[in-house]
Amino acid sequence: MSIIVKNNSTGEKKIILTVIILLFFSFAFLAYSERKQTDPAGKNSWWEIYFENPKSQDPTFTIKNYGKDEKFHWKELEADSTTALQESDIFIQAGQESTIPLFAIGEKKIILEVTDENGEKKEIYKSLD
């Protein structure tokens, strides 16, 4: 009685090679789509707000616009309240940014709320201790 062992290494090599090729193309596609989605000059419409210097006591903030909306409304709110201390409308063209200096006198916490013309709202907070 003899057992015939068939060499199946060529089939295994084909499977491994196929998996490696599929992984390569998958990673390439994901990298391309991620780069396309995060491109500020792309067709995605988005905007961001941030404090100029998050660690200092300076409440100056910036709005960067990467979208089609140009009109923004910002307001500084009292802590634990919806009462606006300061507010204003600002126009920022696509691809531009605007820095807004604030003067927080006696405030322990700054709450900034920015709304675009479509009603999308973003808030940032800063403790001035």
Protein backbone atom coordinates (compact mmCIF):
# COMPACT_ATOMS: atom_id res chain seq x y z
CA MET A 1 0.00 0.00 0.00
CA SER A 2 1.42 3.30 -0.99
CA ILE A 3 0.19 6.81 -0.41
CA ILE A 4 0.48 9.21 -3.23
CA VAL A 5 1.31 12.69 -2.06
CA LYS A 6 0.67 15.39 -4.56
CA ASN A 7 2.79 18.53 -4.43
CA ASN A 8 0.26 21.31 -3.98
CA SER A 9 2.71 24.16 -3.39
CA THR A 10 1.98 25.83 -6.73
CA GLY A 11 -1.70 26.17 -5.82
CA GLU A 12 -0.78 27.66 -2.44
CA LYS A 13 1.58 30.12 -4.10
CA LYS A 14 -1.17 31.26 -6.46
CA ILE A 15 -3.54 31.87 -3.54
CA ILE A 16 -0.93 33.82 -1.57
CA LEU A 17 0.02 35.88 -4.62
CA THR A 18 -3.65 36.63 -5.35
CA VAL A 19 -4.27 37.75 -1.75
CA ILE A 20 -1.19 40.01 -1.80
CA ILE A 21 -2.28 41.61 -5.08
CA LEU A 22 -5.82 42.19 -3.79
CA LEU A 23 -4.49 43.74 -0.57
CA PHE A 24 -2.20 46.05 -2.54
CA PHE A 25 -5.02 47.32 -4.75
CA SER A 26 -7.33 47.69 -1.74
CA PHE A 27 -4.78 49.80 0.13
CA ALA A 28 -4.08 51.89 -2.96
CA PHE A 29 -7.79 52.57 -3.47
CA LEU A 30 -8.32 53.46 0.21
CA ALA A 31 -5.35 55.84 0.20
CA TYR A 32 -6.64 57.54 -2.95
CA SER A 33 -10.19 57.95 -1.63
CA GLU A 34 -8.96 59.23 1.76
CA ARG A 35 -6.72 61.81 0.11
CA LYS A 36 -9.57 62.91 -2.13
CA GLN A 37 -11.99 63.33 0.79
CA THR A 38 -9.60 65.37 2.93
CA ASP A 39 -8.43 67.67 0.14
CA PRO A 40 -9.46 71.19 1.20
CA ALA A 41 -9.64 72.30 -2.43
CA GLY A 42 -11.88 69.37 -3.35
CA LYS A 43 -15.61 69.40 -3.84
CA ASN A 44 -16.36 68.74 -0.17
CA SER A 45 -17.89 71.72 1.57
CA TRP A 46 -16.62 72.18 5.12
CA TRP A 47 -15.26 74.74 7.55
CA GLU A 48 -13.42 74.75 10.85
CA ILE A 49 -12.96 76.94 13.90
CA TYR A 50 -10.11 76.94 16.38
CA PHE A 51 -8.39 79.12 18.95
CA GLU A 52 -5.20 80.76 17.71
CA ASN A 53 -3.26 79.75 20.80
CA PRO A 54 -5.16 77.14 22.84
CA LYS A 55 -2.79 77.28 25.83
CA SER A 56 -2.72 81.04 26.35
CA GLN A 57 -5.35 83.25 27.95
CA ASP A 58 -6.02 84.91 24.57
CA PRO A 59 -9.53 84.04 23.28
CA THR A 60 -8.76 85.02 19.64
CA PHE A 61 -10.18 82.44 17.23
CA THR A 62 -10.07 81.69 13.51
CA ILE A 63 -12.67 80.46 11.03
CA LYS A 64 -11.35 78.69 7.91
CA ASN A 65 -13.78 78.22 5.05
CA TYR A 66 -13.31 75.39 2.55
CA GLY A 67 -16.86 75.41 1.26
CA LYS A 68 -19.39 77.35 -0.73
CA ASP A 69 -21.01 79.08 2.25
CA GLU A 70 -19.63 82.57 2.79
CA LYS A 71 -21.77 83.97 5.59
CA PHE A 72 -21.03 82.96 9.17
CA HIS A 73 -22.53 84.14 12.44
CA TRP A 74 -20.46 83.82 15.61
CA LYS A 75 -21.31 84.56 19.19
CA GLU A 76 -19.59 84.36 22.53
CA LEU A 77 -21.87 82.81 25.11
CA GLU A 78 -21.91 83.11 28.88
CA ALA A 79 -20.86 79.93 30.64
CA ASP A 80 -23.92 77.85 31.64
CA SER A 81 -26.22 80.16 29.69
CA THR A 82 -27.46 80.95 26.20
CA THR A 83 -26.98 84.71 26.65
CA ALA A 84 -24.65 86.16 24.02
CA LEU A 85 -21.90 88.48 25.32
CA GLN A 86 -20.67 89.38 21.83
CA GLU A 87 -21.87 88.38 18.37
CA SER A 88 -21.39 89.35 14.78
CA ASP A 89 -21.83 88.26 11.17
CA ILE A 90 -18.75 87.70 9.04
CA PHE A 91 -18.24 86.94 5.35
CA ILE A 92 -15.39 84.58 4.42
CA GLN A 93 -14.84 83.48 0.83
CA ALA A 94 -14.05 79.88 -0.06
CA GLY A 95 -10.41 79.02 0.65
CA GLN A 96 -9.97 82.00 2.96
CA GLU A 97 -9.78 82.40 6.73
CA SER A 98 -10.60 85.15 9.18
CA THR A 99 -9.15 85.71 12.65
CA ILE A 100 -11.48 87.33 15.18
CA PRO A 101 -9.95 88.94 18.27
CA LEU A 102 -12.07 88.72 21.41
CA PHE A 103 -11.65 90.47 24.71
CA ALA A 104 -12.80 88.33 27.61
CA ILE A 105 -12.86 90.48 30.71
CA GLY A 106 -13.52 88.60 33.92
CA GLU A 107 -14.73 85.45 32.17
CA LYS A 108 -13.54 82.06 33.43
CA LYS A 109 -14.79 80.10 30.44
CA ILE A 110 -15.21 81.12 26.80
CA ILE A 111 -17.88 79.39 24.72
CA LEU A 112 -17.90 80.26 21.04
CA GLU A 113 -20.70 79.20 18.74
CA VAL A 114 -20.34 79.62 14.98
CA THR A 115 -23.17 78.95 12.52
CA ASP A 116 -22.96 78.96 8.73
CA GLU A 117 -25.71 80.13 6.40
CA ASN A 118 -27.12 76.60 6.13
CA GLY A 119 -27.55 76.35 9.89
CA GLU A 120 -24.61 74.04 10.62
CA LYS A 121 -23.39 74.89 14.10
CA LYS A 122 -20.01 74.29 15.75
CA GLU A 123 -18.85 75.19 19.24
CA ILE A 124 -15.49 75.47 20.92
CA TYR A 125 -14.69 76.00 24.58
CA LYS A 126 -11.76 77.43 26.48
CA SER A 127 -11.09 77.79 30.21
CA LEU A 128 -9.24 80.94 31.19
CA ASP A 129 -7.97 79.86 34.61
